[in-house]
């Protein structure tokens, strides 16, 4: 939802609108691996987890621990972060 400030006329965006826009900046792990031609098993070995765990992270059925999220961020040079595992369901319906 976008509205205008009554005093200045400046557009005001709700948090949900801003978060929806930021979603475009997110790079999912599966996208990163595909973009760089890295196989899930190879990536898993490089960060010390199983290939099955990487598959669950890529398909959204798993959630990384802080330690694993940090390893992923380091291995991807910050292209994939813990925030990239967040799922915003219908962000337009949420308010701050």
C-alpha atoms as a PDB file:
ATOM      1  CA  UNK A   1       0.000   0.000   0.000  1.00  0.00           C
ATOM      2  CA  UNK A   2       1.297   3.457  -0.903  1.00  0.00           C
ATOM      3  CA  UNK A   3      -0.161   6.612   0.525  1.00  0.00           C
ATOM      4  CA  UNK A   4       0.882  10.239   0.689  1.00  0.00           C
ATOM      5  CA  UNK A   5       2.027  12.155   3.718  1.00  0.00           C
ATOM      6  CA  UNK A   6      -0.695  14.699   4.537  1.00  0.00           C
ATOM      7  CA  UNK A   7       1.769  17.528   5.133  1.00  0.00           C
ATOM      8  CA  UNK A   8       4.391  17.040   2.413  1.00  0.00           C
ATOM      9  CA  UNK A   9       2.670  14.855  -0.182  1.00  0.00           C
ATOM     10  CA  UNK A  10       5.671  12.509  -0.125  1.00  0.00           C
ATOM     11  CA  UNK A  11       4.872   8.889  -0.847  1.00  0.00           C
ATOM     12  CA  UNK A  12       4.800   6.678   2.235  1.00  0.00           C
ATOM     13  CA  UNK A  13       5.399   2.953   1.833  1.00  0.00           C
ATOM     14  CA  UNK A  14       4.335   0.312   4.311  1.00  0.00           C
ATOM     15  CA  UNK A  15       6.983  -2.080   5.631  1.00  0.00           C
ATOM     16  CA  UNK A  16       5.380  -4.927   3.691  1.00  0.00           C
ATOM     17  CA  UNK A  17       5.856  -2.999   0.441  1.00  0.00           C
ATOM     18  CA  UNK A  18       9.503  -2.277   1.230  1.00  0.00           C
ATOM     19  CA  UNK A  19      10.151  -5.914   2.206  1.00  0.00           C
ATOM     20  CA  UNK A  20       8.537  -7.122  -1.004  1.00  0.00           C
ATOM     21  CA  UNK A  21      10.917  -4.879  -2.946  1.00  0.00           C
ATOM     22  CA  UNK A  22      13.912  -6.214  -1.043  1.00  0.00           C
ATOM     23  CA  UNK A  23      12.884  -9.759  -1.890  1.00  0.00           C
ATOM     24  CA  UNK A  24      14.191  -9.084  -5.392  1.00  0.00           C
ATOM     25  CA  UNK A  25      17.717  -8.703  -3.919  1.00  0.00           C
ATOM     26  CA  UNK A  26      17.678 -12.147  -2.335  1.00  0.00           C
ATOM     27  CA  UNK A  27      19.761 -14.888  -3.918  1.00  0.00           C
ATOM     28  CA  UNK A  28      18.651 -18.332  -2.927  1.00  0.00           C
ATOM     29  CA  UNK A  29      21.253 -21.028  -2.456  1.00  0.00           C
ATOM     30  CA  UNK A  30      19.855 -23.076  -5.344  1.00  0.00           C
ATOM     31  CA  UNK A  31      20.179 -20.043  -7.646  1.00  0.00           C
ATOM     32  CA  UNK A  32      23.747 -19.431  -6.526  1.00  0.00           C
ATOM     33  CA  UNK A  33      24.766 -23.040  -7.113  1.00  0.00           C
ATOM     34  CA  UNK A  34      23.158 -23.105 -10.551  1.00  0.00           C
ATOM     35  CA  UNK A  35      24.648 -19.754 -11.560  1.00  0.00           C
ATOM     36  CA  UNK A  36      28.147 -20.915 -10.626  1.00  0.00           C
ATOM     37  CA  UNK A  37      27.793 -24.472 -11.937  1.00  0.00           C
ATOM     38  CA  UNK A  38      28.368 -25.987  -8.497  1.00  0.00           C
ATOM     39  CA  UNK A  39      26.881 -29.396  -7.697  1.00  0.00           C
ATOM     40  CA  UNK A  40      25.018 -29.673  -4.405  1.00  0.00           C
ATOM     41  CA  UNK A  41      27.206 -32.543  -3.204  1.00  0.00           C
ATOM     42  CA  UNK A  42      30.401 -30.604  -3.925  1.00  0.00           C
ATOM     43  CA  UNK A  43      29.100 -27.545  -2.112  1.00  0.00           C
ATOM     44  CA  UNK A  44      27.959 -29.693   0.817  1.00  0.00           C
ATOM     45  CA  UNK A  45      31.437 -31.209   1.145  1.00  0.00           C
ATOM     46  CA  UNK A  46      33.037 -27.783   1.026  1.00  0.00           C
ATOM     47  CA  UNK A  47      31.040 -26.574   4.037  1.00  0.00           C
ATOM     48  CA  UNK A  48      30.966 -29.851   5.982  1.00  0.00           C
ATOM     49  CA  UNK A  49      27.342 -30.976   5.604  1.00  0.00           C
ATOM     50  CA  UNK A  50      25.583 -33.708   3.626  1.00  0.00           C
ATOM     51  CA  UNK A  51      24.236 -33.340   0.115  1.00  0.00           C
ATOM     52  CA  UNK A  52      20.776 -34.156   1.480  1.00  0.00           C
ATOM     53  CA  UNK A  53      21.000 -31.201   3.833  1.00  0.00           C
ATOM     54  CA  UNK A  54      21.853 -28.862   0.968  1.00  0.00           C
ATOM     55  CA  UNK A  55      18.896 -30.247  -0.987  1.00  0.00           C
ATOM     56  CA  UNK A  56      16.576 -29.511   1.947  1.00  0.00           C
ATOM     57  CA  UNK A  57      17.947 -25.962   2.161  1.00  0.00           C
ATOM     58  CA  UNK A  58      17.503 -25.491  -1.579  1.00  0.00           C
ATOM     59  CA  UNK A  59      13.925 -26.749  -1.648  1.00  0.00           C
ATOM     60  CA  UNK A  60      12.904 -24.793   1.448  1.00  0.00           C
ATOM     61  CA  UNK A  61      12.201 -27.762   3.701  1.00  0.00           C
ATOM     62  CA  UNK A  62      15.239 -27.106   5.904  1.00  0.00           C
ATOM     63  CA  UNK A  63      16.514 -24.193   7.943  1.00  0.00           C
ATOM     64  CA  UNK A  64      20.261 -23.698   8.499  1.00  0.00           C
ATOM     65  CA  UNK A  65      21.758 -23.419  11.947  1.00  0.00           C
ATOM     66  CA  UNK A  66      23.694 -20.238  12.632  1.00  0.00           C
ATOM     67  CA  UNK A  67      26.951 -22.090  12.083  1.00  0.00           C
ATOM     68  CA  UNK A  68      25.846 -23.535   8.728  1.00  0.00           C
ATOM     69  CA  UNK A  69      24.437 -20.167   7.615  1.00  0.00           C
ATOM     70  CA  UNK A  70      27.813 -18.579   8.404  1.00  0.00           C
ATOM     71  CA  UNK A  71      29.628 -21.289   6.408  1.00  0.00           C
ATOM     72  CA  UNK A  72      27.288 -20.728   3.460  1.00  0.00           C
ATOM     73  CA  UNK A  73      27.843 -16.971   3.605  1.00  0.00           C
ATOM     74  CA  UNK A  74      31.624 -17.438   3.665  1.00  0.00           C
ATOM     75  CA  UNK A  75      31.604 -20.045   0.877  1.00  0.00           C
ATOM     76  CA  UNK A  76      29.429 -17.832  -1.344  1.00  0.00           C
ATOM     77  CA  UNK A  77      31.399 -14.686  -0.437  1.00  0.00           C
ATOM     78  CA  UNK A  78      28.244 -13.129   1.001  1.00  0.00           C
ATOM     79  CA  UNK A  79      26.035 -13.772  -2.030  1.00  0.00           C
ATOM     80  CA  UNK A  80      23.809 -16.066   0.071  1.00  0.00           C
ATOM     81  CA  UNK A  81      23.148 -15.081   3.683  1.00  0.00           C
ATOM     82  CA  UNK A  82      20.898 -16.286   6.504  1.00  0.00           C
ATOM     83  CA  UNK A  83      18.341 -13.681   5.426  1.00  0.00           C
ATOM     84  CA  UNK A  84      18.085 -15.431   2.067  1.00  0.00           C
ATOM     85  CA  UNK A  85      16.426 -18.407   3.761  1.00  0.00           C
ATOM     86  CA  UNK A  86      13.546 -16.273   5.055  1.00  0.00           C
ATOM     87  CA  UNK A  87      10.247 -16.793   3.303  1.00  0.00           C
ATOM     88  CA  UNK A  88       7.787 -13.905   3.193  1.00  0.00           C
ATOM     89  CA  UNK A  89       4.344 -15.309   2.591  1.00  0.00           C
ATOM     90  CA  UNK A  90       2.070 -12.676   1.067  1.00  0.00           C
ATOM     91  CA  UNK A  91       4.063  -9.651   2.312  1.00  0.00           C
ATOM     92  CA  UNK A  92       1.369  -7.268   1.053  1.00  0.00           C
ATOM     93  CA  UNK A  93      -1.019  -8.584   3.707  1.00  0.00           C
ATOM     94  CA  UNK A  94       1.337  -7.825   6.599  1.00  0.00           C
ATOM     95  CA  UNK A  95       1.620  -4.544   8.404  1.00  0.00           C
ATOM     96  CA  UNK A  96       4.415  -3.213  10.626  1.00  0.00           C
END
